[in-house]
Amino acid sequence: MPSPCLRVAWWGKHFGEEPPLVGAPEQGAGTIFFGGCDLRCVFCQNHQISQTRVGSLLDERALLEVIFTLQDQGVCCLDLVTPSIWWRPLADALRTARRDGLRLPVVWNCHGHEPLRVLTALEGLVDVYLPDFKYGSADVGWRYSRARNYPDQAERALREMLRQVGPLRCDEHGVATRGVIVRHLVLPGNLPSTWEVLRRLASIDPGLHLSLMSQYLPLHRADEFPELARTLTPEEWAQALAWLEEFGFEEGWIQDPCSAPDFVPDFCSSSPFETGQKGPY
């Protein structure tokens, strides 16, 4: 009998991603949330699964059953969330899935701090990269996530993702088929970090599809850090939007600041997403 190879916390149709990853109202992303993460973000929205052992261990055969069940349900993409620590078994499973008839675009929904050796191993297996670009400061990246040299590593990773799949491309229905979408969550009390993230992204390509996110809530261990123990002020969000325009970003999405309370999943529940088909964009 095959040995379990990775941990899955939840899978199903998910409607909280960017519009090109959700498709028509009845489609949704075919999302698999993996357990565990190699970052330790003190404000992690998904800390129930990223920093504990919640979820079930699956072998490749069971994972493939999940993947093809999602495809049969008519989802518009295969959305792999926090997959990075499982990249070896996932690469093997994706090769098998492609051979056996997987037609969905594969989305690598990640924290953006991937080593180049991991991304190189994924070349040809991932269609859409969906990285965070969390921090513009190495000190901030270490303080909040214990990530070494986050900005430089994230920039190297992003450049490699772009080399592999290029800019975002969508089909006639507006569904992403290939390319890169970059996410940045604006953190309270950290506007200089946001400015530096936007500066770096603009230096790479101001035509990047950027998803600017306002959904920060003081979750997990955030109350241990005074600057993080609150939500964004309207002034902070307005400043981030002004910089977005100043740096020339025209492609992408801006999150509705009112959506934040609706998008905190409870992975201790059998139905962690209770918001149905509503989206935050």
Protein backbone atom coordinates (compact mmCIF):
# COMPACT_ATOMS: atom_id res chain seq x y z
CA MET A 1 0.00 0.00 0.00
CA PRO A 2 1.39 3.48 -0.90
CA SER A 3 2.70 5.54 2.01
CA PRO A 4 1.05 8.91 2.84
CA CYS A 5 3.09 11.67 1.24
CA LEU A 6 1.43 15.02 2.07
CA ARG A 7 -1.16 16.65 4.33
CA VAL A 8 -4.44 18.05 2.98
CA ALA A 9 -6.48 20.27 5.32
CA TRP A 10 -9.48 20.95 3.05
CA TRP A 11 -10.48 20.75 -0.58
CA GLY A 12 -13.46 21.90 -2.60
CA LYS A 13 -14.88 24.71 -4.71
CA HIS A 14 -13.64 28.10 -3.51
CA PHE A 15 -14.90 31.52 -4.61
CA GLY A 16 -12.58 33.85 -2.73
CA GLU A 17 -9.73 34.06 -5.26
CA GLU A 18 -9.16 36.68 -7.94
CA PRO A 19 -11.81 36.69 -10.73
CA PRO A 20 -9.68 34.87 -13.36
CA LEU A 21 -9.25 31.98 -10.91
CA VAL A 22 -12.94 31.68 -10.05
CA GLY A 23 -14.61 31.75 -13.46
CA ALA A 24 -18.37 31.70 -13.81
CA PRO A 25 -20.51 31.91 -10.65
CA GLU A 26 -21.12 28.18 -10.57
CA GLN A 27 -17.50 27.20 -11.27
CA GLY A 28 -15.10 28.37 -8.60
CA ALA A 29 -11.50 27.41 -8.13
CA GLY A 30 -10.82 23.75 -7.40
CA THR A 31 -8.86 24.49 -4.26
CA ILE A 32 -6.71 22.19 -2.16
CA PHE A 33 -5.42 23.66 1.10
CA PHE A 34 -2.30 21.88 2.29
CA GLY A 35 -1.28 21.64 5.92
CA GLY A 36 1.98 23.12 7.12
CA CYS A 37 4.14 26.01 5.95
CA ASP A 38 7.81 26.90 6.13
CA LEU A 39 7.05 30.50 7.11
CA ARG A 40 5.78 31.45 10.56
CA CYS A 41 3.67 34.53 9.84
CA VAL A 42 2.46 35.93 13.15
CA PHE A 43 -0.75 37.24 11.54
CA CYS A 44 -1.53 34.18 9.39
CA GLN A 45 -5.21 33.99 8.49
CA ASN A 46 -4.87 30.23 7.99
CA HIS A 47 -2.79 29.56 11.10
CA GLN A 48 -5.10 26.67 12.04
CA ILE A 49 -3.63 24.65 9.19
CA SER A 50 -0.33 26.36 8.38
CA GLN A 51 1.19 25.97 11.83
CA THR A 52 -0.48 22.84 13.21
CA ARG A 53 -1.04 19.30 12.01
CA VAL A 54 -4.70 19.75 11.08
CA GLY A 55 -5.70 17.69 8.04
CA SER A 56 -5.38 14.21 6.59
CA LEU A 57 -2.28 12.52 5.23
CA LEU A 58 -2.84 11.41 1.63
CA ASP A 59 -0.81 9.27 -0.71
CA GLU A 60 -0.52 10.05 -4.41
CA ARG A 61 -3.47 7.85 -5.36
CA ALA A 62 -5.80 9.62 -2.90
CA LEU A 63 -4.55 13.03 -4.00
CA LEU A 64 -5.23 12.17 -7.63
CA GLU A 65 -8.78 11.16 -6.68
CA VAL A 66 -9.25 14.63 -5.18
CA ILE A 67 -7.81 16.34 -8.25
CA PHE A 68 -10.02 14.48 -10.71
CA THR A 69 -13.10 14.88 -8.51
CA LEU A 70 -12.58 18.64 -8.65
CA GLN A 71 -12.14 18.51 -12.42
CA ASP A 72 -15.37 16.53 -12.74
CA GLN A 73 -17.16 19.18 -10.67
CA GLY A 74 -16.47 21.74 -13.39
CA VAL A 75 -14.04 24.03 -11.58
CA CYS A 76 -11.99 26.43 -13.70
CA CYS A 77 -8.55 25.70 -12.24
CA LEU A 78 -6.64 23.50 -9.81
CA ASP A 79 -5.68 25.89 -7.01
CA LEU A 80 -2.89 24.52 -4.78
CA VAL A 81 -2.74 26.64 -1.61
CA THR A 82 0.41 26.73 0.56
CA PRO A 83 1.96 23.88 -1.42
CA SER A 84 5.63 24.73 -1.07
CA ILE A 85 6.79 22.27 1.60
CA TRP A 86 5.13 19.46 -0.39
CA TRP A 87 6.70 20.35 -3.73
CA ARG A 88 8.39 16.98 -4.30
CA PRO A 89 5.29 14.75 -4.00
CA LEU A 90 3.19 17.39 -5.73
CA ALA A 91 5.53 17.48 -8.72
CA ASP A 92 5.23 13.70 -9.01
CA ALA A 93 1.44 13.81 -8.66
CA LEU A 94 1.07 16.57 -11.26
CA ARG A 95 3.11 14.59 -13.78
CA THR A 96 0.84 11.61 -13.24
CA ALA A 97 -2.29 13.76 -13.40
CA ARG A 98 -1.24 15.33 -16.70
CA ARG A 99 -0.59 11.88 -18.11
CA ASP A 100 -3.99 10.66 -16.92
CA GLY A 101 -6.05 13.53 -18.32
CA LEU A 102 -5.80 16.63 -16.13
CA ARG A 103 -6.96 19.53 -18.28
CA LEU A 104 -7.22 22.29 -15.68
CA PRO A 105 -4.68 25.10 -15.37
CA VAL A 106 -2.54 24.42 -12.29
CA VAL A 107 -2.21 27.38 -9.90
CA TRP A 108 0.71 27.49 -7.44
CA ASN A 109 -0.73 29.69 -4.67
CA CYS A 110 2.28 30.41 -2.47
CA HIS A 111 4.07 32.72 -0.04
CA GLY A 112 6.58 33.95 -2.63
CA HIS A 113 9.72 32.93 -0.71
CA GLU A 114 10.36 29.80 -2.78
CA PRO A 115 13.97 28.77 -3.44
CA LEU A 116 14.92 28.74 -7.11
CA ARG A 117 15.62 24.99 -6.99
CA VAL A 118 11.96 24.37 -6.12
CA LEU A 119 10.68 26.57 -8.93
CA THR A 120 13.06 24.97 -11.41
CA ALA A 121 11.67 21.56 -10.50
CA LEU A 122 8.14 22.82 -11.14
CA GLU A 123 8.83 24.17 -14.63
CA GLY A 124 6.30 22.76 -17.09
CA LEU A 125 3.98 21.57 -14.31
CA VAL A 126 2.56 24.92 -13.16
CA ASP A 127 0.50 27.16 -15.45
CA VAL A 128 -0.27 30.09 -13.14
CA TYR A 129 1.91 31.30 -10.30
CA LEU A 130 0.08 33.19 -7.55
CA PRO A 131 2.80 34.40 -5.15
CA ASP A 132 2.53 36.82 -2.28
CA PHE A 133 5.07 39.60 -2.14
CA LYS A 134 4.70 40.15 1.58
CA TYR A 135 7.48 42.48 2.65
CA GLY A 136 9.74 45.15 1.23
CA SER A 137 12.06 44.98 4.24
CA ALA A 138 14.26 42.07 5.26
CA ASP A 139 13.94 43.10 8.90
CA VAL A 140 10.15 43.09 8.70
CA GLY A 141 10.17 39.70 6.96
CA TRP A 142 12.25 38.24 9.77
CA ARG A 143 10.23 39.94 12.51
CA TYR A 144 6.85 38.69 11.30
CA SER A 145 7.61 35.47 9.40
CA ARG A 146 11.12 34.31 10.36
CA ALA A 147 11.91 34.54 6.65
CA ARG A 148 15.54 35.28 5.82
CA ASN A 149 16.15 38.07 3.31
CA TYR A 150 12.51 37.99 2.20
CA PRO A 151 12.49 40.84 -0.38
CA ASP A 152 15.49 39.67 -2.39
CA GLN A 153 14.41 36.03 -2.30
CA ALA A 154 10.86 36.93 -3.32
CA GLU A 155 12.14 39.06 -6.19
CA ARG A 156 14.36 36.24 -7.47
CA ALA A 157 11.45 33.84 -7.21
CA LEU A 158 9.09 36.18 -9.05
CA ARG A 159 11.55 36.72 -11.88
CA GLU A 160 11.88 32.96 -12.28
CA MET A 161 8.10 32.53 -12.31
CA LEU A 162 7.82 35.15 -15.03
CA ARG A 163 10.57 33.47 -17.02
CA GLN A 164 8.64 30.21 -16.92
CA VAL A 165 5.09 31.32 -17.65
CA GLY A 166 5.21 34.99 -18.66
CA PRO A 167 2.51 37.60 -18.01
CA LEU A 168 -1.07 36.64 -17.23
CA ARG A 169 -3.14 35.34 -20.11
CA CYS A 170 -6.83 34.45 -20.00
CA ASP A 171 -9.20 32.59 -22.30
CA GLU A 172 -12.30 34.01 -23.99
CA HIS A 173 -14.23 33.58 -20.72
CA GLY A 174 -11.73 35.55 -18.68
CA VAL A 175 -10.30 32.46 -16.97
CA ALA A 176 -6.55 32.45 -16.36
CA THR A 177 -4.69 29.92 -18.49
CA ARG A 178 -1.08 30.92 -17.91
CA GLY A 179 1.02 33.60 -16.25
CA VAL A 180 1.57 35.36 -12.92
CA ILE A 181 -0.63 37.22 -10.46
CA VAL A 182 1.17 38.87 -7.52
CA ARG A 183 -0.58 39.52 -4.21
CA HIS A 184 0.35 42.10 -1.60
CA LEU A 185 -1.47 42.40 1.72
CA VAL A 186 -1.14 45.90 3.17
CA LEU A 187 -0.20 45.65 6.85
CA PRO A 188 -1.07 48.31 9.43
CA GLY A 189 1.88 50.33 10.66
CA ASN A 190 4.03 49.11 7.76
CA LEU A 191 3.49 51.54 4.91
CA PRO A 192 7.25 51.87 4.14
CA SER A 193 7.32 48.13 3.49
CA THR A 194 4.35 48.43 1.11
CA TRP A 195 6.03 51.31 -0.73
CA GLU A 196 9.18 49.22 -1.24
CA VAL A 197 7.17 46.22 -2.45
CA LEU A 198 5.41 48.37 -5.04
CA ARG A 199 8.71 49.94 -6.07
CA ARG A 200 10.31 46.53 -6.60
CA LEU A 201 7.34 45.20 -8.53
CA ALA A 202 7.27 48.28 -10.77
CA SER A 203 10.98 47.86 -11.46
CA ILE A 204 10.30 44.31 -12.65
CA ASP A 205 7.24 45.17 -14.77
CA PRO A 206 4.54 47.79 -14.04
CA GLY A 207 2.32 45.70 -16.32
CA LEU A 208 2.20 42.91 -13.75
CA HIS A 209 -1.24 41.81 -12.65
CA LEU A 210 -1.22 42.92 -9.03
CA SER A 211 -3.81 42.03 -6.41
CA LEU A 212 -3.72 44.65 -3.65
CA MET A 213 -5.35 43.28 -0.53
CA SER A 214 -7.00 45.11 2.36
CA GLN A 215 -8.33 42.09 4.28
CA TYR A 216 -5.80 42.21 7.13
CA LEU A 217 -7.22 41.30 10.53
CA PRO A 218 -5.21 40.96 13.78
CA LEU A 219 -5.30 37.16 14.00
CA HIS A 220 -3.10 34.43 15.47
CA ARG A 221 -0.20 36.14 17.34
CA ALA A 222 -0.71 39.64 15.91
CA ASP A 223 -1.59 41.11 19.30
CA GLU A 224 2.00 40.47 20.40
CA PHE A 225 3.07 43.22 17.98
CA PRO A 226 1.49 46.62 18.80
CA GLU A 227 1.57 47.85 15.21
CA LEU A 228 -0.30 44.75 14.01
CA ALA A 229 -2.94 44.67 16.76
CA ARG A 230 -5.47 46.64 14.70
CA THR A 231 -6.93 46.82 11.22
CA LEU A 232 -5.84 49.26 8.50
CA THR A 233 -6.95 52.84 8.84
CA PRO A 234 -8.72 54.46 5.86
CA GLU A 235 -5.71 56.76 5.55
CA GLU A 236 -3.29 53.84 5.25
CA TRP A 237 -5.42 52.17 2.57
CA ALA A 238 -5.77 55.47 0.68
CA GLN A 239 -2.00 55.91 0.72
CA ALA A 240 -1.44 52.40 -0.65
CA LEU A 241 -3.92 53.11 -3.45
CA ALA A 242 -2.18 56.40 -4.25
CA TRP A 243 1.17 54.61 -4.55
CA LEU A 244 -0.42 51.98 -6.78
CA GLU A 245 -1.37 54.74 -9.19
CA GLU A 246 1.94 56.56 -8.76
CA PHE A 247 3.92 53.46 -9.76
CA GLY A 248 1.77 52.97 -12.83
CA PHE A 249 0.00 49.69 -12.07
CA GLU A 250 -3.08 49.34 -14.25
CA GLU A 251 -3.63 45.58 -14.38
CA GLY A 252 -5.08 43.65 -11.48
CA TRP A 253 -7.57 43.93 -8.65
CA ILE A 254 -8.19 46.00 -5.54
CA GLN A 255 -9.87 44.30 -2.65
CA ASP A 256 -12.99 45.74 -1.07
CA PRO A 257 -11.97 46.86 2.45
CA CYS A 258 -15.39 45.78 3.74
CA SER A 259 -14.78 42.14 2.75
CA ALA A 260 -12.26 41.25 5.45
CA PRO A 261 -14.57 39.79 8.14
CA ASP A 262 -16.26 37.55 5.58
CA PHE A 263 -13.07 35.82 4.49
CA VAL A 264 -11.65 34.28 7.62
CA PRO A 265 -12.06 30.52 7.18
CA ASP A 266 -12.58 28.24 10.15
CA PHE A 267 -10.72 25.04 9.36
CA CYS A 268 -12.04 23.44 12.53
CA SER A 269 -15.39 23.37 10.73
CA SER A 270 -16.30 20.89 8.00
CA SER A 271 -17.33 23.92 5.90
CA PRO A 272 -14.65 26.56 6.49
CA PHE A 273 -16.02 28.90 3.83
CA GLU A 274 -19.55 30.00 4.61
CA THR A 275 -19.76 32.96 2.26
CA GLY A 276 -21.02 30.95 -0.71
CA GLN A 277 -20.28 32.55 -4.06
CA LYS A 278 -19.49 36.03 -2.85
CA GLY A 279 -16.00 37.28 -3.64
CA PRO A 280 -13.78 39.92 -2.04
CA TYR A 281 -12.95 41.79 -5.29
